[in-house]
Structures are given as structure tokens and as C-alpha cells.
């Protein structure tokens, strides 16, 4: 059986990109792509998220890894909890619209 080498974990942002700018671009890009739009149409999103992730993938591919994973650059806990909070807010709004309490 052949052993495959992969990587898991965070990947640094480019030194010219601040964490808050990337995080804002990530959240906006997630909303845009969830609605079926192309983030390349928005220069802020492309430069501060799309191109950053693409270039990170390229760097990881050049290392010789057998399996290249997503370059984790956004807080992994927030990736999950953001969606949970949105779902909870939708549920509460839906209940209110139907006249239900809590």
C-alpha cells in the first residue's frame, strides 16, 4: 500500500493582506457564491479572497504533496458557527412570521 502525503492546517495570508480585510472578503465571497454569482466580477473579492486562495493552492501544489487540501486561511470555527447562526436567525424569523413564540 502506497503512503500518501497530505497537509492539514492553516496557511498564512500574504504579508500585504490584513486579517480583517481577508475575513470581510471571505464572508462576502461566501454570500456571493452561495447566490450563484462569480466573485471574479467583484475586484475587492477577487483580489482579497479569490486570488489569495488560488495562489495559496498553487504554492501548496508546488511542494510535492500527494494530496493538496484547501488552504485554511479563515477561522475554522467561524466557518461552521457563522452558518449555524444564520440558520438560527432564519428559524426565529420564520417562527415570528407565523406568529409562533420562541
C-alpha atoms as a PDB file:
ATOM      1  CA  UNK A   1       0.000   0.000   0.000  1.00  0.00           C
ATOM      2  CA  UNK A   2       1.377   3.389  -1.024  1.00  0.00           C
ATOM      3  CA  UNK A   3       1.568   6.090   1.633  1.00  0.00           C
ATOM      4  CA  UNK A   4       0.142   9.440   0.544  1.00  0.00           C
ATOM      5  CA  UNK A   5       1.406  12.685   1.982  1.00  0.00           C
ATOM      6  CA  UNK A   6      -1.117  15.442   2.645  1.00  0.00           C
ATOM      7  CA  UNK A   7      -1.361  18.502   4.813  1.00  0.00           C
ATOM      8  CA  UNK A   8      -3.943  19.844   7.199  1.00  0.00           C
ATOM      9  CA  UNK A   9      -3.914  23.167   8.912  1.00  0.00           C
ATOM     10  CA  UNK A  10      -3.646  26.861   8.446  1.00  0.00           C
ATOM     11  CA  UNK A  11      -1.917  28.630   5.596  1.00  0.00           C
ATOM     12  CA  UNK A  12      -0.538  32.149   6.045  1.00  0.00           C
ATOM     13  CA  UNK A  13      -2.013  35.149   4.322  1.00  0.00           C
ATOM     14  CA  UNK A  14       0.231  37.214   2.065  1.00  0.00           C
ATOM     15  CA  UNK A  15       2.109  39.805   4.138  1.00  0.00           C
ATOM     16  CA  UNK A  16       0.385  42.616   2.232  1.00  0.00           C
ATOM     17  CA  UNK A  17      -3.134  41.465   3.215  1.00  0.00           C
ATOM     18  CA  UNK A  18      -4.593  42.200   6.635  1.00  0.00           C
ATOM     19  CA  UNK A  19      -6.616  39.602   8.536  1.00  0.00           C
ATOM     20  CA  UNK A  20      -9.728  41.807   8.825  1.00  0.00           C
ATOM     21  CA  UNK A  21      -9.736  42.571   5.099  1.00  0.00           C
ATOM     22  CA  UNK A  22      -9.436  38.871   4.245  1.00  0.00           C
ATOM     23  CA  UNK A  23     -12.146  37.908   6.745  1.00  0.00           C
ATOM     24  CA  UNK A  24     -14.528  40.512   5.322  1.00  0.00           C
ATOM     25  CA  UNK A  25     -13.782  39.368   1.765  1.00  0.00           C
ATOM     26  CA  UNK A  26     -14.295  35.721   2.804  1.00  0.00           C
ATOM     27  CA  UNK A  27     -17.719  36.402   4.308  1.00  0.00           C
ATOM     28  CA  UNK A  28     -18.833  38.468   1.303  1.00  0.00           C
ATOM     29  CA  UNK A  29     -17.462  35.901  -1.168  1.00  0.00           C
ATOM     30  CA  UNK A  30     -19.340  33.128   0.625  1.00  0.00           C
ATOM     31  CA  UNK A  31     -22.602  35.074   0.296  1.00  0.00           C
ATOM     32  CA  UNK A  32     -21.950  35.919  -3.349  1.00  0.00           C
ATOM     33  CA  UNK A  33     -21.068  32.386  -4.416  1.00  0.00           C
ATOM     34  CA  UNK A  34     -23.996  30.942  -2.426  1.00  0.00           C
ATOM     35  CA  UNK A  35     -26.267  33.063  -4.598  1.00  0.00           C
ATOM     36  CA  UNK A  36     -24.644  31.658  -7.746  1.00  0.00           C
ATOM     37  CA  UNK A  37     -22.558  34.681  -8.676  1.00  0.00           C
ATOM     38  CA  UNK A  38     -18.950  34.764  -9.844  1.00  0.00           C
ATOM     39  CA  UNK A  39     -16.654  36.518  -7.369  1.00  0.00           C
ATOM     40  CA  UNK A  40     -14.270  37.451 -10.199  1.00  0.00           C
ATOM     41  CA  UNK A  41     -16.813  40.116 -11.114  1.00  0.00           C
ATOM     42  CA  UNK A  42     -16.043  41.985  -7.880  1.00  0.00           C
ATOM     43  CA  UNK A  43     -12.470  43.310  -7.758  1.00  0.00           C
ATOM     44  CA  UNK A  44     -12.410  43.577  -3.947  1.00  0.00           C
ATOM     45  CA  UNK A  45     -13.466  39.944  -3.526  1.00  0.00           C
ATOM     46  CA  UNK A  46     -11.194  38.649  -6.251  1.00  0.00           C
ATOM     47  CA  UNK A  47      -8.094  40.459  -5.001  1.00  0.00           C
ATOM     48  CA  UNK A  48      -8.656  39.848  -1.285  1.00  0.00           C
ATOM     49  CA  UNK A  49     -10.098  36.337  -1.383  1.00  0.00           C
ATOM     50  CA  UNK A  50     -10.207  34.601  -4.772  1.00  0.00           C
ATOM     51  CA  UNK A  51      -6.687  35.334  -5.929  1.00  0.00           C
ATOM     52  CA  UNK A  52      -5.297  34.728  -2.415  1.00  0.00           C
ATOM     53  CA  UNK A  53      -6.811  31.230  -2.216  1.00  0.00           C
ATOM     54  CA  UNK A  54      -5.800  30.406  -5.802  1.00  0.00           C
ATOM     55  CA  UNK A  55      -2.190  31.479  -5.243  1.00  0.00           C
ATOM     56  CA  UNK A  56      -2.089  29.530  -1.963  1.00  0.00           C
ATOM     57  CA  UNK A  57      -3.302  26.403  -3.753  1.00  0.00           C
ATOM     58  CA  UNK A  58      -0.607  26.865  -6.393  1.00  0.00           C
ATOM     59  CA  UNK A  59       2.078  27.149  -3.721  1.00  0.00           C
ATOM     60  CA  UNK A  60       0.819  24.008  -1.994  1.00  0.00           C
ATOM     61  CA  UNK A  61       0.772  22.103  -5.312  1.00  0.00           C
ATOM     62  CA  UNK A  62       4.403  23.025  -5.922  1.00  0.00           C
ATOM     63  CA  UNK A  63       5.532  21.396  -2.655  1.00  0.00           C
ATOM     64  CA  UNK A  64       5.198  17.849  -3.946  1.00  0.00           C
ATOM     65  CA  UNK A  65       2.342  16.807  -1.655  1.00  0.00           C
ATOM     66  CA  UNK A  66       0.323  13.843  -2.911  1.00  0.00           C
ATOM     67  CA  UNK A  67      -2.947  15.354  -1.685  1.00  0.00           C
ATOM     68  CA  UNK A  68      -3.388  19.112  -1.540  1.00  0.00           C
ATOM     69  CA  UNK A  69      -6.087  20.369   0.829  1.00  0.00           C
ATOM     70  CA  UNK A  70      -7.871  23.705   0.986  1.00  0.00           C
ATOM     71  CA  UNK A  71      -5.520  26.397   2.341  1.00  0.00           C
ATOM     72  CA  UNK A  72      -7.225  27.150   5.648  1.00  0.00           C
ATOM     73  CA  UNK A  73      -6.984  30.915   5.938  1.00  0.00           C
ATOM     74  CA  UNK A  74     -10.292  31.709   7.628  1.00  0.00           C
ATOM     75  CA  UNK A  75     -11.085  30.759  11.214  1.00  0.00           C
ATOM     76  CA  UNK A  76     -12.311  27.156  11.028  1.00  0.00           C
ATOM     77  CA  UNK A  77     -14.662  27.528  13.978  1.00  0.00           C
ATOM     78  CA  UNK A  78     -16.261  30.608  12.429  1.00  0.00           C
ATOM     79  CA  UNK A  79     -16.697  28.752   9.131  1.00  0.00           C
ATOM     80  CA  UNK A  80     -19.142  26.451  10.904  1.00  0.00           C
ATOM     81  CA  UNK A  81     -20.603  28.759  13.547  1.00  0.00           C
ATOM     82  CA  UNK A  82     -21.422  31.503  11.000  1.00  0.00           C
ATOM     83  CA  UNK A  83     -23.775  29.096   9.208  1.00  0.00           C
ATOM     84  CA  UNK A  84     -25.323  27.896  12.443  1.00  0.00           C
ATOM     85  CA  UNK A  85     -26.099  31.484  13.469  1.00  0.00           C
ATOM     86  CA  UNK A  86     -27.652  32.261  10.072  1.00  0.00           C
ATOM     87  CA  UNK A  87     -29.832  29.128  10.305  1.00  0.00           C
ATOM     88  CA  UNK A  88     -30.909  30.027  13.835  1.00  0.00           C
ATOM     89  CA  UNK A  89     -31.802  33.586  12.788  1.00  0.00           C
ATOM     90  CA  UNK A  90     -33.843  32.279   9.838  1.00  0.00           C
ATOM     91  CA  UNK A  91     -35.671  29.874  12.128  1.00  0.00           C
ATOM     92  CA  UNK A  92     -36.537  32.637  14.594  1.00  0.00           C
ATOM     93  CA  UNK A  93     -37.671  34.941  11.772  1.00  0.00           C
ATOM     94  CA  UNK A  94     -39.775  32.165  10.281  1.00  0.00           C
ATOM     95  CA  UNK A  95     -41.428  31.453  13.628  1.00  0.00           C
ATOM     96  CA  UNK A  96     -42.181  35.138  14.157  1.00  0.00           C
ATOM     97  CA  UNK A  97     -43.691  35.411  10.692  1.00  0.00           C
ATOM     98  CA  UNK A  98     -46.020  32.511  11.534  1.00  0.00           C
ATOM     99  CA  UNK A  99     -46.929  34.097  14.866  1.00  0.00           C
ATOM    100  CA  UNK A 100     -45.131  31.480  16.951  1.00  0.00           C
ATOM    101  CA  UNK A 101     -43.271  32.353  20.117  1.00  0.00           C
ATOM    102  CA  UNK A 102     -39.644  31.259  20.568  1.00  0.00           C
END
